C-alpha atoms as a PDB file:
ATOM      1  CA  MET A   1      -9.532 -14.996 -37.662  1.00  0.00           C
ATOM      2  CA  GLY A   2      -6.827 -12.350 -37.675  1.00  0.00           C
ATOM      3  CA  VAL A   3      -6.881  -9.321 -39.946  1.00  0.00           C
ATOM      4  CA  VAL A   4      -4.482  -9.634 -42.893  1.00  0.00           C
ATOM      5  CA  ILE A   5      -5.332  -6.434 -44.779  1.00  0.00           C
ATOM      6  CA  ALA A   6      -6.522  -3.241 -43.129  1.00  0.00           C
ATOM      7  CA  CYS A   7      -7.329   0.055 -44.854  1.00  0.00           C
ATOM      8  CA  HIS A   8      -8.146   3.110 -42.757  1.00  0.00           C
ATOM      9  CA  GLY A   9      -9.484   6.388 -44.100  1.00  0.00           C
ATOM     10  CA  ILE A  10      -8.316   5.902 -47.686  1.00  0.00           C
ATOM     11  CA  VAL A  11      -8.743   9.031 -49.794  1.00  0.00           C
ATOM     12  CA  ASN A  12      -7.920   9.036 -53.497  1.00  0.00           C
ATOM     13  CA  ARG A  13      -8.268  12.353 -55.276  1.00  0.00           C
ATOM     14  CA  PHE A  14      -7.395  13.306 -58.845  1.00  0.00           C
ATOM     15  CA  GLY A  15      -7.528  17.071 -59.175  1.00  0.00           C
ATOM     16  CA  THR A  16     -10.979  18.087 -58.039  1.00  0.00           C
ATOM     17  CA  GLN A  17     -12.381  14.564 -58.465  1.00  0.00           C
ATOM     18  CA  VAL A  18     -12.650  12.620 -55.212  1.00  0.00           C
ATOM     19  CA  VAL A  19     -12.847   8.888 -55.943  1.00  0.00           C
ATOM     20  CA  HIS A  20     -12.528   7.598 -52.389  1.00  0.00           C
ATOM     21  CA  ASP A  21     -13.453   9.712 -49.402  1.00  0.00           C
ATOM     22  CA  GLY A  22     -12.515   7.687 -46.347  1.00  0.00           C
ATOM     23  CA  VAL A  23     -12.607   4.001 -47.336  1.00  0.00           C
ATOM     24  CA  ASP A  24     -12.219   1.564 -44.436  1.00  0.00           C
ATOM     25  CA  MET A  25     -11.730  -2.138 -45.197  1.00  0.00           C
ATOM     26  CA  GLU A  26     -10.592  -5.250 -43.345  1.00  0.00           C
ATOM     27  CA  VAL A  27      -9.811  -8.636 -44.867  1.00  0.00           C
ATOM     28  CA  ARG A  28      -9.506 -11.588 -42.509  1.00  0.00           C
ATOM     29  CA  ALA A  29      -7.134 -14.512 -42.807  1.00  0.00           C
ATOM     30  CA  GLY A  30      -8.375 -17.350 -44.987  1.00  0.00           C
ATOM     31  CA  GLU A  31     -11.408 -15.589 -46.446  1.00  0.00           C
ATOM     32  CA  ILE A  32     -12.427 -14.570 -49.939  1.00  0.00           C
ATOM     33  CA  PHE A  33     -13.356 -10.897 -49.806  1.00  0.00           C
ATOM     34  CA  GLY A  34     -15.239  -9.568 -52.813  1.00  0.00           C
ATOM     35  CA  ILE A  35     -15.137  -5.911 -53.871  1.00  0.00           C
ATOM     36  CA  VAL A  36     -18.004  -4.602 -55.992  1.00  0.00           C
ATOM     37  CA  GLY A  37     -19.226  -1.200 -57.067  1.00  0.00           C
ATOM     38  CA  GLY A  38     -20.695   0.702 -59.963  1.00  0.00           C
ATOM     39  CA  SER A  39     -18.733   2.275 -62.796  1.00  0.00           C
ATOM     40  CA  GLY A  40     -16.567   5.131 -61.585  1.00  0.00           C
ATOM     41  CA  THR A  41     -16.489   4.042 -57.948  1.00  0.00           C
ATOM     42  CA  GLY A  42     -12.746   3.379 -58.134  1.00  0.00           C
ATOM     43  CA  LYS A  43     -12.442  -0.394 -57.874  1.00  0.00           C
ATOM     44  CA  SER A  44      -9.242  -0.449 -59.941  1.00  0.00           C
ATOM     45  CA  VAL A  45      -7.883   2.601 -58.123  1.00  0.00           C
ATOM     46  CA  LEU A  46      -8.447   0.847 -54.802  1.00  0.00           C
ATOM     47  CA  LEU A  47      -6.697  -2.262 -56.091  1.00  0.00           C
ATOM     48  CA  ARG A  48      -3.662  -0.211 -57.151  1.00  0.00           C
ATOM     49  CA  THR A  49      -3.656   1.373 -53.701  1.00  0.00           C
ATOM     50  CA  LEU A  50      -3.787  -2.028 -51.991  1.00  0.00           C
ATOM     51  CA  LEU A  51      -0.911  -3.276 -54.160  1.00  0.00           C
ATOM     52  CA  GLY A  52       1.283  -0.314 -53.299  1.00  0.00           C
ATOM     53  CA  LEU A  53       1.286   0.850 -56.922  1.00  0.00           C
ATOM     54  CA  GLN A  54      -0.374   4.122 -55.982  1.00  0.00           C
ATOM     55  CA  ARG A  55      -0.050   6.158 -52.809  1.00  0.00           C
ATOM     56  CA  PRO A  56      -3.386   7.420 -51.511  1.00  0.00           C
ATOM     57  CA  THR A  57      -3.956  11.110 -50.909  1.00  0.00           C
ATOM     58  CA  ALA A  58      -4.665  10.201 -47.286  1.00  0.00           C
ATOM     59  CA  GLY A  59      -5.119   7.085 -45.175  1.00  0.00           C
ATOM     60  CA  THR A  60      -3.147   3.911 -44.564  1.00  0.00           C
ATOM     61  CA  VAL A  61      -2.897   0.395 -45.989  1.00  0.00           C
ATOM     62  CA  GLU A  62      -1.544  -2.437 -43.850  1.00  0.00           C
ATOM     63  CA  ILE A  63      -0.801  -5.967 -45.038  1.00  0.00           C
ATOM     64  CA  ASP A  64       0.273  -8.405 -42.327  1.00  0.00           C
ATOM     65  CA  GLY A  65       0.745  -5.467 -39.984  1.00  0.00           C
ATOM     66  CA  ARG A  66       3.116  -3.572 -42.321  1.00  0.00           C
ATOM     67  CA  GLU A  67       2.005  -0.101 -43.345  1.00  0.00           C
ATOM     68  CA  LEU A  68       2.663   0.020 -47.095  1.00  0.00           C
ATOM     69  CA  THR A  69       2.239   3.725 -47.747  1.00  0.00           C
ATOM     70  CA  GLY A  70       5.359   4.597 -45.763  1.00  0.00           C
ATOM     71  CA  LEU A  71       7.737   1.951 -47.132  1.00  0.00           C
ATOM     72  CA  SER A  72      10.763   2.669 -49.290  1.00  0.00           C
ATOM     73  CA  ARG A  73      10.933   1.209 -52.805  1.00  0.00           C
ATOM     74  CA  ALA A  74      13.165  -1.650 -51.591  1.00  0.00           C
ATOM     75  CA  GLU A  75      10.932  -2.393 -48.607  1.00  0.00           C
ATOM     76  CA  LEU A  76       7.845  -2.306 -50.799  1.00  0.00           C
ATOM     77  CA  GLY A  77       9.469  -4.748 -53.224  1.00  0.00           C
ATOM     78  CA  GLU A  78      10.079  -7.162 -50.364  1.00  0.00           C
ATOM     79  CA  ALA A  79       6.493  -6.780 -49.118  1.00  0.00           C
ATOM     80  CA  LYS A  80       5.120  -7.511 -52.603  1.00  0.00           C
ATOM     81  CA  ARG A  81       6.578 -11.014 -52.457  1.00  0.00           C
ATOM     82  CA  ARG A  82       3.855 -11.814 -49.935  1.00  0.00           C
ATOM     83  CA  TYR A  83       1.053 -11.466 -52.473  1.00  0.00           C
ATOM     84  CA  GLY A  84       0.154 -12.478 -56.014  1.00  0.00           C
ATOM     85  CA  VAL A  85      -2.025 -10.658 -58.526  1.00  0.00           C
ATOM     86  CA  THR A  86      -4.060 -11.547 -61.594  1.00  0.00           C
ATOM     87  CA  PHE A  87      -5.318  -8.767 -63.841  1.00  0.00           C
ATOM     88  CA  GLN A  88      -8.545  -8.692 -65.822  1.00  0.00           C
ATOM     89  CA  HIS A  89      -7.092  -9.608 -69.208  1.00  0.00           C
ATOM     90  CA  GLY A  90      -4.323 -11.863 -67.915  1.00  0.00           C
ATOM     91  CA  ALA A  91      -1.480  -9.399 -68.626  1.00  0.00           C
ATOM     92  CA  LEU A  92       0.787 -12.233 -69.778  1.00  0.00           C
ATOM     93  CA  TRP A  93       3.905 -11.317 -71.731  1.00  0.00           C
ATOM     94  CA  SER A  94       2.951 -12.198 -75.300  1.00  0.00           C
ATOM     95  CA  SER A  95       6.580 -12.714 -76.371  1.00  0.00           C
ATOM     96  CA  LEU A  96       7.222 -15.322 -73.665  1.00  0.00           C
ATOM     97  CA  SER A  97       5.969 -18.887 -73.460  1.00  0.00           C
ATOM     98  CA  VAL A  98       3.418 -19.680 -70.780  1.00  0.00           C
ATOM     99  CA  ALA A  99       6.106 -21.464 -68.748  1.00  0.00           C
ATOM    100  CA  ASP A 100       8.454 -18.477 -69.017  1.00  0.00           C
ATOM    101  CA  ASN A 101       5.663 -16.176 -67.856  1.00  0.00           C
ATOM    102  CA  VAL A 102       5.454 -18.267 -64.677  1.00  0.00           C
ATOM    103  CA  ILE A 103       9.243 -18.508 -64.362  1.00  0.00           C
ATOM    104  CA  LEU A 104       9.759 -14.738 -64.618  1.00  0.00           C
ATOM    105  CA  PRO A 105       8.844 -13.774 -61.016  1.00  0.00           C
ATOM    106  CA  ILE A 106      10.707 -16.797 -59.606  1.00  0.00           C
ATOM    107  CA  ALA A 107      13.890 -15.979 -61.529  1.00  0.00           C
ATOM    108  CA  GLU A 108      13.621 -12.360 -60.404  1.00  0.00           C
ATOM    109  CA  HIS A 109      13.974 -13.371 -56.753  1.00  0.00           C
ATOM    110  CA  TYR A 110      15.907 -16.657 -56.806  1.00  0.00           C
ATOM    111  CA  ARG A 111      18.984 -17.872 -58.658  1.00  0.00           C
ATOM    112  CA  LEU A 112      18.024 -21.388 -59.661  1.00  0.00           C
ATOM    113  CA  PRO A 113      19.102 -23.701 -62.482  1.00  0.00           C
ATOM    114  CA  ARG A 114      16.928 -23.627 -65.587  1.00  0.00           C
ATOM    115  CA  ASP A 115      15.697 -27.179 -65.110  1.00  0.00           C
ATOM    116  CA  VAL A 116      14.526 -26.367 -61.582  1.00  0.00           C
ATOM    117  CA  LEU A 117      12.705 -23.254 -62.822  1.00  0.00           C
ATOM    118  CA  GLU A 118      10.972 -25.298 -65.509  1.00  0.00           C
ATOM    119  CA  GLU A 119       9.934 -27.913 -62.986  1.00  0.00           C
ATOM    120  CA  LEU A 120       8.486 -25.258 -60.676  1.00  0.00           C
ATOM    121  CA  ALA A 121       6.574 -23.708 -63.573  1.00  0.00           C
ATOM    122  CA  ALA A 122       5.180 -27.108 -64.541  1.00  0.00           C
ATOM    123  CA  LEU A 123       3.995 -27.647 -60.956  1.00  0.00           C
ATOM    124  CA  LYS A 124       2.201 -24.284 -60.880  1.00  0.00           C
ATOM    125  CA  LEU A 125       0.546 -24.903 -64.241  1.00  0.00           C
ATOM    126  CA  ALA A 126      -0.634 -28.329 -63.089  1.00  0.00           C
ATOM    127  CA  LEU A 127      -1.943 -26.760 -59.871  1.00  0.00           C
ATOM    128  CA  VAL A 128      -4.317 -24.547 -61.854  1.00  0.00           C
ATOM    129  CA  GLY A 129      -5.473 -27.397 -64.063  1.00  0.00           C
ATOM    130  CA  LEU A 130      -3.575 -26.670 -67.272  1.00  0.00           C
ATOM    131  CA  PRO A 131      -2.323 -29.598 -69.400  1.00  0.00           C
ATOM    132  CA  ALA A 132       1.369 -30.438 -69.435  1.00  0.00           C
ATOM    133  CA  ASP A 133       1.895 -29.155 -72.983  1.00  0.00           C
ATOM    134  CA  SER A 134       0.530 -25.680 -72.212  1.00  0.00           C
ATOM    135  CA  GLY A 135       3.871 -24.452 -70.848  1.00  0.00           C
ATOM    136  CA  ALA A 136       5.486 -24.530 -74.286  1.00  0.00           C
ATOM    137  CA  LYS A 137       2.686 -22.510 -75.874  1.00  0.00           C
ATOM    138  CA  PHE A 138       2.439 -18.744 -76.193  1.00  0.00           C
ATOM    139  CA  PRO A 139      -0.470 -16.746 -74.741  1.00  0.00           C
ATOM    140  CA  ALA A 140      -1.961 -16.167 -78.215  1.00  0.00           C
ATOM    141  CA  GLN A 141      -2.370 -19.931 -78.556  1.00  0.00           C
ATOM    142  CA  LEU A 142      -4.527 -20.226 -75.438  1.00  0.00           C
ATOM    143  CA  SER A 143      -8.268 -19.871 -74.975  1.00  0.00           C
ATOM    144  CA  GLY A 144      -9.620 -17.144 -72.707  1.00  0.00           C
ATOM    145  CA  GLY A 145     -10.131 -19.583 -69.855  1.00  0.00           C
ATOM    146  CA  MET A 146      -6.617 -20.988 -70.208  1.00  0.00           C
ATOM    147  CA  ILE A 147      -5.147 -17.469 -70.159  1.00  0.00           C
ATOM    148  CA  LYS A 148      -6.937 -16.841 -66.862  1.00  0.00           C
ATOM    149  CA  ARG A 149      -5.458 -20.042 -65.438  1.00  0.00           C
ATOM    150  CA  ALA A 150      -1.957 -19.258 -66.732  1.00  0.00           C
ATOM    151  CA  ALA A 151      -2.154 -15.821 -65.118  1.00  0.00           C
ATOM    152  CA  LEU A 152      -3.240 -17.503 -61.896  1.00  0.00           C
ATOM    153  CA  ALA A 153      -0.271 -19.885 -62.087  1.00  0.00           C
ATOM    154  CA  ARG A 154       2.051 -16.894 -62.424  1.00  0.00           C
ATOM    155  CA  ALA A 155       0.373 -15.176 -59.467  1.00  0.00           C
ATOM    156  CA  LEU A 156       1.071 -18.308 -57.391  1.00  0.00           C
ATOM    157  CA  ALA A 157       4.710 -18.544 -58.533  1.00  0.00           C
ATOM    158  CA  LEU A 158       6.197 -17.217 -55.286  1.00  0.00           C
ATOM    159  CA  ASP A 159       3.778 -19.101 -52.990  1.00  0.00           C
ATOM    160  CA  PRO A 160       1.972 -15.971 -51.787  1.00  0.00           C
ATOM    161  CA  ALA A 161      -0.161 -15.849 -48.676  1.00  0.00           C
ATOM    162  CA  VAL A 162      -2.516 -13.273 -50.234  1.00  0.00           C
ATOM    163  CA  LEU A 163      -3.994 -13.325 -53.731  1.00  0.00           C
ATOM    164  CA  PHE A 164      -5.631 -10.375 -55.500  1.00  0.00           C
ATOM    165  CA  LEU A 165      -7.956 -11.245 -58.393  1.00  0.00           C
ATOM    166  CA  ASP A 166      -9.148  -8.500 -60.747  1.00  0.00           C
ATOM    167  CA  GLU A 167     -12.373  -9.528 -62.552  1.00  0.00           C
ATOM    168  CA  PRO A 168     -11.248 -13.179 -62.715  1.00  0.00           C
ATOM    169  CA  THR A 169     -14.264 -14.447 -64.687  1.00  0.00           C
ATOM    170  CA  ALA A 170     -14.748 -11.459 -67.011  1.00  0.00           C
ATOM    171  CA  GLY A 171     -15.162 -12.593 -70.610  1.00  0.00           C
ATOM    172  CA  LEU A 172     -15.704 -16.250 -69.739  1.00  0.00           C
ATOM    173  CA  ASP A 173     -18.787 -18.242 -70.693  1.00  0.00           C
ATOM    174  CA  PRO A 174     -20.927 -19.458 -67.746  1.00  0.00           C
ATOM    175  CA  ILE A 175     -19.450 -22.976 -67.775  1.00  0.00           C
ATOM    176  CA  SER A 176     -15.840 -21.724 -67.823  1.00  0.00           C
ATOM    177  CA  ALA A 177     -16.647 -19.117 -65.159  1.00  0.00           C
ATOM    178  CA  ALA A 178     -18.144 -21.759 -62.871  1.00  0.00           C
ATOM    179  CA  ALA A 179     -15.076 -23.972 -63.365  1.00  0.00           C
ATOM    180  CA  PHE A 180     -12.784 -21.062 -62.516  1.00  0.00           C
ATOM    181  CA  ASP A 181     -14.812 -20.330 -59.376  1.00  0.00           C
ATOM    182  CA  ARG A 182     -14.413 -23.959 -58.292  1.00  0.00           C
ATOM    183  CA  LEU A 183     -10.663 -23.671 -58.887  1.00  0.00           C
ATOM    184  CA  VAL A 184     -10.506 -20.521 -56.745  1.00  0.00           C
ATOM    185  CA  LEU A 185     -12.324 -22.278 -53.905  1.00  0.00           C
ATOM    186  CA  TYR A 186     -10.047 -25.316 -54.203  1.00  0.00           C
ATOM    187  CA  LEU A 187      -6.878 -23.203 -54.093  1.00  0.00           C
ATOM    188  CA  GLN A 188      -8.157 -21.087 -51.222  1.00  0.00           C
ATOM    189  CA  LYS A 189      -8.892 -24.152 -49.109  1.00  0.00           C
ATOM    190  CA  SER A 190      -5.939 -26.321 -50.088  1.00  0.00           C
ATOM    191  CA  LEU A 191      -3.302 -23.556 -49.855  1.00  0.00           C
ATOM    192  CA  GLY A 192      -4.891 -21.577 -47.030  1.00  0.00           C
ATOM    193  CA  LEU A 193      -4.926 -18.398 -49.116  1.00  0.00           C
ATOM    194  CA  THR A 194      -6.500 -15.084 -48.259  1.00  0.00           C
ATOM    195  CA  MET A 195      -8.120 -13.640 -51.381  1.00  0.00           C
ATOM    196  CA  VAL A 196      -9.361 -10.230 -52.442  1.00  0.00           C
ATOM    197  CA  MET A 197     -11.514 -10.368 -55.557  1.00  0.00           C
ATOM    198  CA  ILE A 198     -12.825  -7.471 -57.622  1.00  0.00           C
ATOM    199  CA  THR A 199     -15.821  -8.743 -59.560  1.00  0.00           C
ATOM    200  CA  HIS A 200     -19.187  -7.742 -60.938  1.00  0.00           C
ATOM    201  CA  ASP A 201     -20.177 -11.371 -61.565  1.00  0.00           C
ATOM    202  CA  LEU A 202     -23.084 -12.088 -59.234  1.00  0.00           C
ATOM    203  CA  ASP A 203     -22.717 -15.850 -59.667  1.00  0.00           C
ATOM    204  CA  THR A 204     -19.076 -15.605 -58.584  1.00  0.00           C
ATOM    205  CA  ILE A 205     -20.016 -13.441 -55.597  1.00  0.00           C
ATOM    206  CA  PHE A 206     -22.628 -15.901 -54.356  1.00  0.00           C
ATOM    207  CA  ARG A 207     -20.450 -18.934 -55.134  1.00  0.00           C
ATOM    208  CA  THR A 208     -17.164 -17.883 -53.593  1.00  0.00           C
ATOM    209  CA  CYS A 209     -17.196 -14.824 -51.336  1.00  0.00           C
ATOM    210  CA  ASN A 210     -17.271 -15.038 -47.548  1.00  0.00           C
ATOM    211  CA  ARG A 211     -17.741 -11.288 -47.216  1.00  0.00           C
ATOM    212  CA  VAL A 212     -18.293  -8.406 -49.619  1.00  0.00           C
ATOM    213  CA  GLY A 213     -17.229  -4.762 -49.644  1.00  0.00           C
ATOM    214  CA  VAL A 214     -19.338  -2.398 -51.743  1.00  0.00           C
ATOM    215  CA  LEU A 215     -17.862   0.907 -52.930  1.00  0.00           C
ATOM    216  CA  VAL A 216     -20.613   3.504 -52.844  1.00  0.00           C
ATOM    217  CA  ASP A 217     -20.682   7.246 -52.132  1.00  0.00           C
ATOM    218  CA  GLY A 218     -16.881   7.311 -51.894  1.00  0.00           C
ATOM    219  CA  LYS A 219     -16.822   4.858 -48.999  1.00  0.00           C
ATOM    220  CA  MET A 220     -17.161   1.107 -48.445  1.00  0.00           C
ATOM    221  CA  ILE A 221     -20.044  -0.832 -46.945  1.00  0.00           C
ATOM    222  CA  SER A 222     -18.898  -4.325 -46.006  1.00  0.00           C
ATOM    223  CA  GLY A 223     -20.331  -7.439 -44.436  1.00  0.00           C
ATOM    224  CA  THR A 224     -21.399 -10.989 -45.064  1.00  0.00           C
ATOM    225  CA  LEU A 225     -23.706 -11.585 -48.014  1.00  0.00           C
ATOM    226  CA  GLU A 226     -26.615 -11.878 -45.592  1.00  0.00           C
ATOM    227  CA  GLU A 227     -25.760  -8.479 -44.095  1.00  0.00           C
ATOM    228  CA  ILE A 228     -25.306  -6.885 -47.522  1.00  0.00           C
ATOM    229  CA  LEU A 229     -28.640  -8.287 -48.692  1.00  0.00           C
ATOM    230  CA  ARG A 230     -30.355  -6.702 -45.669  1.00  0.00           C
ATOM    231  CA  ASN A 231     -28.707  -3.302 -46.163  1.00  0.00           C
ATOM    232  CA  PRO A 232     -31.271  -0.629 -47.124  1.00  0.00           C
ATOM    233  CA  HIS A 233     -28.915   1.512 -49.240  1.00  0.00           C
ATOM    234  CA  PRO A 234     -30.663   2.146 -52.599  1.00  0.00           C
ATOM    235  CA  TRP A 235     -27.718   1.079 -54.780  1.00  0.00           C
ATOM    236  CA  LEU A 236     -27.257  -2.147 -52.805  1.00  0.00           C
ATOM    237  CA  ARG A 237     -30.973  -2.862 -53.049  1.00  0.00           C
ATOM    238  CA  GLU A 238     -30.920  -2.373 -56.810  1.00  0.00           C
ATOM    239  CA  TYR A 239     -27.721  -4.381 -57.353  1.00  0.00           C
ATOM    240  CA  PHE A 240     -28.345  -7.299 -54.996  1.00  0.00           C
ATOM    241  CA  HIS A 241     -32.102  -7.600 -55.388  1.00  0.00           C
ATOM    242  CA  GLY A 242     -32.516  -7.225 -59.138  1.00  0.00           C
ATOM    243  CA  GLU A 243     -33.600 -10.038 -61.414  1.00  0.00           C
ATOM    244  CA  ARG A 244     -30.056 -11.340 -62.029  1.00  0.00           C
ATOM    245  CA  ALA A 245     -29.220 -11.189 -58.331  1.00  0.00           C
ATOM    246  CA  ARG A 246     -32.379 -13.081 -57.384  1.00  0.00           C
ATOM    247  CA  ALA A 247     -31.513 -15.775 -59.905  1.00  0.00           C
ATOM    248  CA  ALA A 248     -27.941 -16.065 -58.579  1.00  0.00           C
ATOM    249  CA  GLU A 249     -29.084 -16.168 -54.950  1.00  0.00           C
ATOM    250  CA  SER A 250     -31.685 -18.831 -55.738  1.00  0.00           C
ATOM    251  CA  LEU A 251     -29.153 -20.940 -57.632  1.00  0.00           C
ATOM    252  CA  HIS A 252     -26.380 -20.745 -55.031  1.00  0.00           C
ATOM    253  CA  GLY A 253     -28.454 -20.531 -51.871  1.00  0.00           C
END
């Protein structure tokens, strides 16, 4: 599999605080790559760097062979059409209907009649398993799980090749989280997506991820789950071999 995302020597520094001190990361085509780490390890900072929302102090980020950190604003805007993003709390516009939230990125890039935009939004909402009447509702009228799905529909609005998911199951009950994980796997396989997922949910990690990158000591340790489980680093041993991790590994094999 080819490399879709490549980070080399990423340094993120805020004053005297060094969050990342030479992070290297590769994400291969068609895989689900999970990013984990303790509090303060800079998971959200790394995501912003990958999305081109923040320039690193040093290092490079390449998506599909294009080096993002050197692009102009216009070039970066064009590159962003290649990927979709969901944020932890959905980040839907509360003043817009669910359908209009999905329409917004499409209308930003394409001049299409209103009826066509509505049809496209309905297709995306159906793709993520939302009922037909959900498009007319506002985010405040949705459950937590439905908000996650609506945000996912919006992330898929422009048919991206790469999808970034920020804590996709945070706040969901175990049944809803498992259903969302199944949806992620279905979309990844049926659409051929490459996914990068920030998560602390061990069940989600064991259920969905092909490989995992762990932020620790300002760098990233990455590998398959089997490789991560064998790694002797103390934080990895504590995180992936604790009681909750053993239960998740036993449940998901």
